[in-house]
């Protein structure tokens, strides 16, 4: 089992880093966000890309996500951890990830680590929609990563 507790080599690596996570509202993204918030207190900031969905704004979705039982230990033991989470409105299916020029510039200047986990996993999804999100969305993410002046690590 990998040790990502405070003081581990992983926590040490993330100390001082600024992250950008796509798919943070998905199953794996939520787990990733919780682990990072809990085990890596030295992180400077975590930008998360969130789109409106089912009539809910990105802000509402983030607020609801933070209240999930998954984040209980973060809320209890690291009550200020969510202050490091910065919502970025966008959508991987849109040109330039749907980012405003201000947000895009900020990400290009600050982000050091990227986790791209936005994807559709629905097997019954229309192929065109799945390609748009999973393939083209990844390509758009890579285009942004190429412009990130401080990028150390990117993963999908």
Foldseek 3Di string as FASTA:
>chain_A
DDDLAAPDPVLVVQQAAEEEEEPCLPDVNVLVLLSCLHHNVRHQAYEYEDEDDPNRHRVRSVVVSCPDPSNVCCCVVVVCSCVRYDYFYAQLLDQLRRGDPVVLVVQLEGHAEYEYDFADPDPPDDPVVRCSTPPSSVVSVVVSVVSRPNYDYYYD
